[in-house]
Amino acid sequence: MIDASQIREHAEVISADGVHVGTVDGVEGDRIKLTKKDNPVGYEDHHHFIALSLVDSVDENRVRLSAKSDAAFLSEQEDDGAAIH
C-alpha cells in the first residue's frame, strides 16, 4: 500500500489510462479527498473521495490510480462512504 504522507495537496489524480480524475484536497483516513472544483454538475457543493487502495503510484505532483477512468469514476465516494454513481 502507498504511504499516504507522500500524497500532496493539489496533486493531480489520474487514472491508469491517463485521464484526469480530480485534484487532491487532502487525505482523510484511508481515502483521498478530492477538491470540489472537479466535481460534475450537481455535485459542486461537496467533496468526493477515492480509496487509497486504488493508488498505484505517487510522484511529486501526480497520483496515479490502478483503475482505468471508467472504474475510477464509478468508485468515487460521498463523505459517508456511499457510492456516487
PDB file of N, CA and C in Angstrom:
ATOM      1  N   MET A   1       0.845  -1.194   0.000  1.00  0.00           N
ATOM      2  CA  MET A   1       0.000   0.000   0.000  1.00  0.00           C
ATOM      3  C   MET A   1       0.887   1.253   0.000  1.00  0.00           C
ATOM      4  N   ILE A   2       0.390   2.287  -0.591  1.00  0.00           N
ATOM      5  CA  ILE A   2       1.098   3.562  -0.709  1.00  0.00           C
ATOM      6  C   ILE A   2       1.162   4.266   0.643  1.00  0.00           C
ATOM      7  N   ASP A   3       2.255   4.948   0.895  1.00  0.00           N
ATOM      8  CA  ASP A   3       2.402   5.778   2.088  1.00  0.00           C
ATOM      9  C   ASP A   3       1.617   7.065   1.848  1.00  0.00           C
ATOM     10  N   ALA A   4       0.524   7.239   2.566  1.00  0.00           N
ATOM     11  CA  ALA A   4      -0.365   8.386   2.354  1.00  0.00           C
ATOM     12  C   ALA A   4       0.338   9.723   2.565  1.00  0.00           C
ATOM     13  N   SER A   5       1.409   9.740   3.341  1.00  0.00           N
ATOM     14  CA  SER A   5       2.122  11.000   3.584  1.00  0.00           C
ATOM     15  C   SER A   5       2.823  11.509   2.324  1.00  0.00           C
ATOM     16  N   GLN A   6       2.962  10.652   1.309  1.00  0.00           N
ATOM     17  CA  GLN A   6       3.570  11.057   0.037  1.00  0.00           C
ATOM     18  C   GLN A   6       2.599  11.848  -0.842  1.00  0.00           C
ATOM     19  N   ILE A   7       1.326  11.767  -0.545  1.00  0.00           N
ATOM     20  CA  ILE A   7       0.306  12.421  -1.370  1.00  0.00           C
ATOM     21  C   ILE A   7       0.187  13.875  -0.948  1.00  0.00           C
ATOM     22  N   ARG A   8       0.425  14.760  -1.900  1.00  0.00           N
ATOM     23  CA  ARG A   8       0.457  16.197  -1.613  1.00  0.00           C
ATOM     24  C   ARG A   8      -0.845  16.878  -2.024  1.00  0.00           C
ATOM     25  N   GLU A   9      -1.214  17.878  -1.239  1.00  0.00           N
ATOM     26  CA  GLU A   9      -2.359  18.704  -1.573  1.00  0.00           C
ATOM     27  C   GLU A   9      -2.144  19.323  -2.954  1.00  0.00           C
ATOM     28  N   HIS A  10      -3.185  19.339  -3.742  1.00  0.00           N
ATOM     29  CA  HIS A  10      -3.219  19.916  -5.095  1.00  0.00           C
ATOM     30  C   HIS A  10      -2.532  19.044  -6.142  1.00  0.00           C
ATOM     31  N   ALA A  11      -2.108  17.830  -5.777  1.00  0.00           N
ATOM     32  CA  ALA A  11      -1.570  16.907  -6.782  1.00  0.00           C
ATOM     33  C   ALA A  11      -2.713  16.460  -7.691  1.00  0.00           C
ATOM     34  N   GLU A  12      -2.395  16.246  -8.945  1.00  0.00           N
ATOM     35  CA  GLU A  12      -3.391  15.757  -9.894  1.00  0.00           C
ATOM     36  C   GLU A  12      -3.587  14.255  -9.679  1.00  0.00           C
ATOM     37  N   VAL A  13      -4.834  13.814  -9.717  1.00  0.00           N
ATOM     38  CA  VAL A  13      -5.158  12.391  -9.638  1.00  0.00           C
ATOM     39  C   VAL A  13      -5.544  11.949 -11.047  1.00  0.00           C
ATOM     40  N   ILE A  14      -4.823  10.943 -11.558  1.00  0.00           N
ATOM     41  CA  ILE A  14      -5.116  10.439 -12.899  1.00  0.00           C
ATOM     42  C   ILE A  14      -5.365   8.936 -12.847  1.00  0.00           C
ATOM     43  N   SER A  15      -6.152   8.482 -13.797  1.00  0.00           N
ATOM     44  CA  SER A  15      -6.460   7.056 -13.896  1.00  0.00           C
ATOM     45  C   SER A  15      -5.305   6.311 -14.553  1.00  0.00           C
ATOM     46  N   ALA A  16      -5.399   4.994 -14.579  1.00  0.00           N
ATOM     47  CA  ALA A  16      -4.360   4.164 -15.197  1.00  0.00           C
ATOM     48  C   ALA A  16      -4.217   4.455 -16.687  1.00  0.00           C
ATOM     49  N   ASP A  17      -5.295   4.936 -17.308  1.00  0.00           N
ATOM     50  CA  ASP A  17      -5.235   5.275 -18.727  1.00  0.00           C
ATOM     51  C   ASP A  17      -4.994   6.764 -18.969  1.00  0.00           C
ATOM     52  N   GLY A  18      -4.559   7.479 -17.926  1.00  0.00           N
ATOM     53  CA  GLY A  18      -4.104   8.856 -18.067  1.00  0.00           C
ATOM     54  C   GLY A  18      -5.165   9.934 -18.035  1.00  0.00           C
ATOM     55  N   VAL A  19      -6.396   9.609 -17.682  1.00  0.00           N
ATOM     56  CA  VAL A  19      -7.484  10.585 -17.641  1.00  0.00           C
ATOM     57  C   VAL A  19      -7.496  11.298 -16.286  1.00  0.00           C
ATOM     58  N   HIS A  20      -7.681  12.624 -16.320  1.00  0.00           N
ATOM     59  CA  HIS A  20      -7.767  13.423 -15.096  1.00  0.00           C
ATOM     60  C   HIS A  20      -9.016  13.006 -14.321  1.00  0.00           C
ATOM     61  N   VAL A  21      -8.833  12.593 -13.070  1.00  0.00           N
ATOM     62  CA  VAL A  21      -9.934  12.174 -12.209  1.00  0.00           C
ATOM     63  C   VAL A  21     -10.284  13.269 -11.216  1.00  0.00           C
ATOM     64  N   GLY A  22      -9.285  14.013 -10.765  1.00  0.00           N
ATOM     65  CA  GLY A  22      -9.527  15.069  -9.797  1.00  0.00           C
ATOM     66  C   GLY A  22      -8.228  15.661  -9.301  1.00  0.00           C
ATOM     67  N   THR A  23      -8.355  16.477  -8.258  1.00  0.00           N
ATOM     68  CA  THR A  23      -7.218  17.136  -7.628  1.00  0.00           C
ATOM     69  C   THR A  23      -7.294  16.875  -6.132  1.00  0.00           C
ATOM     70  N   VAL A  24      -6.175  16.530  -5.534  1.00  0.00           N
ATOM     71  CA  VAL A  24      -6.134  16.205  -4.108  1.00  0.00           C
ATOM     72  C   VAL A  24      -6.401  17.446  -3.268  1.00  0.00           C
ATOM     73  N   ASP A  25      -7.364  17.323  -2.363  1.00  0.00           N
ATOM     74  CA  ASP A  25      -7.600  18.351  -1.357  1.00  0.00           C
ATOM     75  C   ASP A  25      -6.927  17.935  -0.052  1.00  0.00           C
ATOM     76  N   GLY A  26      -6.791  16.633   0.152  1.00  0.00           N
ATOM     77  CA  GLY A  26      -6.142  16.110   1.351  1.00  0.00           C
ATOM     78  C   GLY A  26      -6.365  14.613   1.451  1.00  0.00           C
ATOM     79  N   VAL A  27      -5.837  14.020   2.499  1.00  0.00           N
ATOM     80  CA  VAL A  27      -6.042  12.600   2.775  1.00  0.00           C
ATOM     81  C   VAL A  27      -6.758  12.508   4.112  1.00  0.00           C
ATOM     82  N   GLU A  28      -7.844  11.749   4.136  1.00  0.00           N
ATOM     83  CA  GLU A  28      -8.610  11.537   5.366  1.00  0.00           C
ATOM     84  C   GLU A  28      -8.764  10.036   5.577  1.00  0.00           C
ATOM     85  N   GLY A  29      -8.078   9.534   6.582  1.00  0.00           N
ATOM     86  CA  GLY A  29      -8.131   8.102   6.857  1.00  0.00           C
ATOM     87  C   GLY A  29      -7.562   7.311   5.703  1.00  0.00           C
ATOM     88  N   ASP A  30      -8.367   6.418   5.144  1.00  0.00           N
ATOM     89  CA  ASP A  30      -7.913   5.575   4.039  1.00  0.00           C
ATOM     90  C   ASP A  30      -8.449   6.045   2.685  1.00  0.00           C
ATOM     91  N   ARG A  31      -8.743   7.362   2.592  1.00  0.00           N
ATOM     92  CA  ARG A  31      -9.284   7.907   1.345  1.00  0.00           C
ATOM     93  C   ARG A  31      -8.627   9.238   0.989  1.00  0.00           C
ATOM     94  N   ILE A  32      -8.577   9.508  -0.312  1.00  0.00           N
ATOM     95  CA  ILE A  32      -8.126  10.807  -0.816  1.00  0.00           C
ATOM     96  C   ILE A  32      -9.361  11.678  -0.989  1.00  0.00           C
ATOM     97  N   LYS A  33      -9.321  12.849  -0.400  1.00  0.00           N
ATOM     98  CA  LYS A  33     -10.399  13.826  -0.547  1.00  0.00           C
ATOM     99  C   LYS A  33     -10.077  14.671  -1.773  1.00  0.00           C
ATOM    100  N   LEU A  34     -11.002  14.725  -2.733  1.00  0.00           N
ATOM    101  CA  LEU A  34     -10.803  15.492  -3.955  1.00  0.00           C
ATOM    102  C   LEU A  34     -11.388  16.895  -3.805  1.00  0.00           C
ATOM    103  N   THR A  35     -10.795  17.856  -4.501  1.00  0.00           N
ATOM    104  CA  THR A  35     -11.330  19.220  -4.462  1.00  0.00           C
ATOM    105  C   THR A  35     -12.707  19.247  -5.123  1.00  0.00           C
ATOM    106  N   LYS A  36     -13.510  20.213  -4.734  1.00  0.00           N
ATOM    107  CA  LYS A  36     -14.859  20.356  -5.278  1.00  0.00           C
ATOM    108  C   LYS A  36     -14.846  20.808  -6.733  1.00  0.00           C
ATOM    109  N   LYS A  37     -13.801  21.514  -7.136  1.00  0.00           N
ATOM    110  CA  LYS A  37     -13.791  22.141  -8.465  1.00  0.00           C
ATOM    111  C   LYS A  37     -13.874  21.144  -9.616  1.00  0.00           C
ATOM    112  N   ASP A  38     -13.502  19.891  -9.388  1.00  0.00           N
ATOM    113  CA  ASP A  38     -13.541  18.887 -10.449  1.00  0.00           C
ATOM    114  C   ASP A  38     -14.823  18.060 -10.448  1.00  0.00           C
ATOM    115  N   ASN A  39     -15.720  18.342  -9.529  1.00  0.00           N
ATOM    116  CA  ASN A  39     -16.956  17.568  -9.446  1.00  0.00           C
ATOM    117  C   ASN A  39     -17.861  17.844 -10.640  1.00  0.00           C
ATOM    118  N   PRO A  40     -18.633  16.840 -11.056  1.00  0.00           N
ATOM    119  CA  PRO A  40     -19.578  17.061 -12.152  1.00  0.00           C
ATOM    120  C   PRO A  40     -20.723  17.980 -11.720  1.00  0.00           C
ATOM    121  N   VAL A  41     -21.443  18.496 -12.689  1.00  0.00           N
ATOM    122  CA  VAL A  41     -22.583  19.375 -12.427  1.00  0.00           C
ATOM    123  C   VAL A  41     -23.554  18.672 -11.489  1.00  0.00           C
ATOM    124  N   GLY A  42     -23.997  19.400 -10.483  1.00  0.00           N
ATOM    125  CA  GLY A  42     -24.915  18.851  -9.499  1.00  0.00           C
ATOM    126  C   GLY A  42     -24.233  18.350  -8.238  1.00  0.00           C
ATOM    127  N   TYR A  43     -22.910  18.265  -8.267  1.00  0.00           N
ATOM    128  CA  TYR A  43     -22.150  17.772  -7.119  1.00  0.00           C
ATOM    129  C   TYR A  43     -21.109  18.783  -6.648  1.00  0.00           C
ATOM    130  N   GLU A  44     -21.198  20.026  -7.115  1.00  0.00           N
ATOM    131  CA  GLU A  44     -20.148  21.016  -6.864  1.00  0.00           C
ATOM    132  C   GLU A  44     -20.070  21.499  -5.418  1.00  0.00           C
ATOM    133  N   ASP A  45     -21.089  21.207  -4.618  1.00  0.00           N
ATOM    134  CA  ASP A  45     -21.158  21.769  -3.272  1.00  0.00           C
ATOM    135  C   ASP A  45     -20.510  20.908  -2.189  1.00  0.00           C
ATOM    136  N   HIS A  46     -19.929  19.783  -2.559  1.00  0.00           N
ATOM    137  CA  HIS A  46     -19.301  18.931  -1.543  1.00  0.00           C
ATOM    138  C   HIS A  46     -18.160  18.117  -2.162  1.00  0.00           C
ATOM    139  N   HIS A  47     -17.350  17.542  -1.303  1.00  0.00           N
ATOM    140  CA  HIS A  47     -16.173  16.780  -1.735  1.00  0.00           C
ATOM    141  C   HIS A  47     -16.536  15.340  -2.086  1.00  0.00           C
ATOM    142  N   HIS A  48     -15.743  14.770  -2.975  1.00  0.00           N
ATOM    143  CA  HIS A  48     -15.800  13.346  -3.281  1.00  0.00           C
ATOM    144  C   HIS A  48     -14.484  12.715  -2.840  1.00  0.00           C
ATOM    145  N   PHE A  49     -14.477  11.409  -2.709  1.00  0.00           N
ATOM    146  CA  PHE A  49     -13.327  10.684  -2.179  1.00  0.00           C
ATOM    147  C   PHE A  49     -12.988   9.494  -3.072  1.00  0.00           C
ATOM    148  N   ILE A  50     -11.707   9.126  -3.051  1.00  0.00           N
ATOM    149  CA  ILE A  50     -11.202   7.934  -3.746  1.00  0.00           C
ATOM    150  C   ILE A  50     -10.422   7.113  -2.714  1.00  0.00           C
ATOM    151  N   ALA A  51     -10.644   5.816  -2.691  1.00  0.00           N
ATOM    152  CA  ALA A  51      -9.952   4.941  -1.739  1.00  0.00           C
ATOM    153  C   ALA A  51      -8.453   4.896  -2.024  1.00  0.00           C
ATOM    154  N   LEU A  52      -7.652   4.957  -0.967  1.00  0.00           N
ATOM    155  CA  LEU A  52      -6.199   4.843  -1.120  1.00  0.00           C
ATOM    156  C   LEU A  52      -5.802   3.507  -1.739  1.00  0.00           C
ATOM    157  N   SER A  53      -6.632   2.502  -1.575  1.00  0.00           N
ATOM    158  CA  SER A  53      -6.315   1.185  -2.139  1.00  0.00           C
ATOM    159  C   SER A  53      -6.260   1.207  -3.668  1.00  0.00           C
ATOM    160  N   LEU A  54      -6.802   2.246  -4.294  1.00  0.00           N
ATOM    161  CA  LEU A  54      -6.756   2.370  -5.755  1.00  0.00           C
ATOM    162  C   LEU A  54      -5.489   3.052  -6.256  1.00  0.00           C
ATOM    163  N   VAL A  55      -4.666   3.579  -5.337  1.00  0.00           N
ATOM    164  CA  VAL A  55      -3.458   4.297  -5.745  1.00  0.00           C
ATOM    165  C   VAL A  55      -2.379   3.306  -6.160  1.00  0.00           C
ATOM    166  N   ASP A  56      -1.865   3.512  -7.370  1.00  0.00           N
ATOM    167  CA  ASP A  56      -0.789   2.673  -7.892  1.00  0.00           C
ATOM    168  C   ASP A  56       0.572   3.286  -7.597  1.00  0.00           C
ATOM    169  N   SER A  57       0.687   4.606  -7.788  1.00  0.00           N
ATOM    170  CA  SER A  57       1.966   5.274  -7.548  1.00  0.00           C
ATOM    171  C   SER A  57       1.739   6.755  -7.263  1.00  0.00           C
ATOM    172  N   VAL A  58       2.755   7.357  -6.653  1.00  0.00           N
ATOM    173  CA  VAL A  58       2.715   8.780  -6.316  1.00  0.00           C
ATOM    174  C   VAL A  58       4.046   9.388  -6.702  1.00  0.00           C
ATOM    175  N   ASP A  59       4.003  10.498  -7.422  1.00  0.00           N
ATOM    176  CA  ASP A  59       5.224  11.277  -7.608  1.00  0.00           C
ATOM    177  C   ASP A  59       4.942  12.677  -7.082  1.00  0.00           C
ATOM    178  N   GLU A  60       5.815  13.597  -7.329  1.00  0.00           N
ATOM    179  CA  GLU A  60       5.733  14.910  -6.700  1.00  0.00           C
ATOM    180  C   GLU A  60       4.375  15.591  -6.849  1.00  0.00           C
ATOM    181  N   ASN A  61       3.833  15.624  -8.051  1.00  0.00           N
ATOM    182  CA  ASN A  61       2.591  16.356  -8.298  1.00  0.00           C
ATOM    183  C   ASN A  61       1.508  15.514  -8.947  1.00  0.00           C
ATOM    184  N   ARG A  62       1.624  14.199  -8.829  1.00  0.00           N
ATOM    185  CA  ARG A  62       0.650  13.338  -9.500  1.00  0.00           C
ATOM    186  C   ARG A  62       0.426  12.061  -8.702  1.00  0.00           C
ATOM    187  N   VAL A  63      -0.846  11.687  -8.610  1.00  0.00           N
ATOM    188  CA  VAL A  63      -1.251  10.415  -8.007  1.00  0.00           C
ATOM    189  C   VAL A  63      -1.851   9.582  -9.134  1.00  0.00           C
ATOM    190  N   ARG A  64      -1.249   8.436  -9.406  1.00  0.00           N
ATOM    191  CA  ARG A  64      -1.748   7.569 -10.485  1.00  0.00           C
ATOM    192  C   ARG A  64      -2.521   6.412  -9.854  1.00  0.00           C
ATOM    193  N   LEU A  65      -3.732   6.203 -10.344  1.00  0.00           N
ATOM    194  CA  LEU A  65      -4.576   5.124  -9.854  1.00  0.00           C
ATOM    195  C   LEU A  65      -4.330   3.842 -10.643  1.00  0.00           C
ATOM    196  N   SER A  66      -4.643   2.710 -10.040  1.00  0.00           N
ATOM    197  CA  SER A  66      -4.522   1.424 -10.726  1.00  0.00           C
ATOM    198  C   SER A  66      -5.739   1.157 -11.605  1.00  0.00           C
ATOM    199  N   ALA A  67      -6.809   1.893 -11.388  1.00  0.00           N
ATOM    200  CA  ALA A  67      -8.049   1.708 -12.142  1.00  0.00           C
ATOM    201  C   ALA A  67      -8.087   2.610 -13.370  1.00  0.00           C
ATOM    202  N   LYS A  68      -8.661   2.111 -14.451  1.00  0.00           N
ATOM    203  CA  LYS A  68      -8.888   2.938 -15.631  1.00  0.00           C
ATOM    204  C   LYS A  68      -9.983   3.956 -15.314  1.00  0.00           C
ATOM    205  N   SER A  69     -10.129   4.947 -16.167  1.00  0.00           N
ATOM    206  CA  SER A  69     -11.009   6.082 -15.883  1.00  0.00           C
ATOM    207  C   SER A  69     -12.447   5.675 -15.582  1.00  0.00           C
ATOM    208  N   ASP A  70     -13.022   4.760 -16.347  1.00  0.00           N
ATOM    209  CA  ASP A  70     -14.415   4.389 -16.103  1.00  0.00           C
ATOM    210  C   ASP A  70     -14.596   3.788 -14.713  1.00  0.00           C
ATOM    211  N   ALA A  71     -13.694   2.918 -14.304  1.00  0.00           N
ATOM    212  CA  ALA A  71     -13.768   2.307 -12.972  1.00  0.00           C
ATOM    213  C   ALA A  71     -13.444   3.320 -11.880  1.00  0.00           C
ATOM    214  N   ALA A  72     -12.510   4.220 -12.139  1.00  0.00           N
ATOM    215  CA  ALA A  72     -12.136   5.235 -11.146  1.00  0.00           C
ATOM    216  C   ALA A  72     -13.317   6.146 -10.839  1.00  0.00           C
ATOM    217  N   PHE A  73     -14.013   6.606 -11.877  1.00  0.00           N
ATOM    218  CA  PHE A  73     -15.163   7.484 -11.657  1.00  0.00           C
ATOM    219  C   PHE A  73     -16.288   6.745 -10.933  1.00  0.00           C
ATOM    220  N   LEU A  74     -16.471   5.471 -11.249  1.00  0.00           N
ATOM    221  CA  LEU A  74     -17.511   4.691 -10.580  1.00  0.00           C
ATOM    222  C   LEU A  74     -17.177   4.403  -9.121  1.00  0.00           C
ATOM    223  N   SER A  75     -15.906   4.473  -8.760  1.00  0.00           N
ATOM    224  CA  SER A  75     -15.503   4.163  -7.386  1.00  0.00           C
ATOM    225  C   SER A  75     -15.485   5.388  -6.476  1.00  0.00           C
ATOM    226  N   GLU A  76     -15.767   6.575  -7.022  1.00  0.00           N
ATOM    227  CA  GLU A  76     -15.802   7.771  -6.176  1.00  0.00           C
ATOM    228  C   GLU A  76     -16.873   7.614  -5.107  1.00  0.00           C
ATOM    229  N   GLN A  77     -16.591   8.189  -3.930  1.00  0.00           N
ATOM    230  CA  GLN A  77     -17.484   8.051  -2.784  1.00  0.00           C
ATOM    231  C   GLN A  77     -17.901   9.412  -2.245  1.00  0.00           C
ATOM    232  N   GLU A  78     -19.055   9.416  -1.597  1.00  0.00           N
ATOM    233  CA  GLU A  78     -19.509  10.577  -0.835  1.00  0.00           C
ATOM    234  C   GLU A  78     -18.759  10.588   0.495  1.00  0.00           C
ATOM    235  N   ASP A  79     -18.938  11.639   1.265  1.00  0.00           N
ATOM    236  CA  ASP A  79     -18.286  11.772   2.565  1.00  0.00           C
ATOM    237  C   ASP A  79     -18.608  10.593   3.484  1.00  0.00           C
ATOM    238  N   ASP A  80     -19.839  10.094   3.414  1.00  0.00           N
ATOM    239  CA  ASP A  80     -20.249   8.991   4.290  1.00  0.00           C
ATOM    240  C   ASP A  80     -19.836   7.613   3.766  1.00  0.00           C
ATOM    241  N   GLY A  81     -19.120   7.578   2.628  1.00  0.00           N
ATOM    242  CA  GLY A  81     -18.653   6.323   2.061  1.00  0.00           C
ATOM    243  C   GLY A  81     -19.579   5.725   1.023  1.00  0.00           C
ATOM    244  N   ALA A  82     -20.754   6.321   0.837  1.00  0.00           N
ATOM    245  CA  ALA A  82     -21.696   5.821  -0.163  1.00  0.00           C
ATOM    246  C   ALA A  82     -21.161   6.075  -1.569  1.00  0.00           C
ATOM    247  N   ALA A  83     -21.493   5.178  -2.471  1.00  0.00           N
ATOM    248  CA  ALA A  83     -21.085   5.346  -3.870  1.00  0.00           C
ATOM    249  C   ALA A  83     -21.819   6.529  -4.486  1.00  0.00           C
ATOM    250  N   ILE A  84     -21.134   7.240  -5.368  1.00  0.00           N
ATOM    251  CA  ILE A  84     -21.741   8.387  -6.042  1.00  0.00           C
ATOM    252  C   ILE A  84     -22.563   7.923  -7.232  1.00  0.00           C
ATOM    253  N   HIS A  85     -22.030   6.974  -7.955  1.00  0.00           N
ATOM    254  CA  HIS A  85     -22.668   6.544  -9.209  1.00  0.00           C
ATOM    255  C   HIS A  85     -23.362   5.216  -9.035  1.00  0.00           C
TER     256      HIS A  85
END
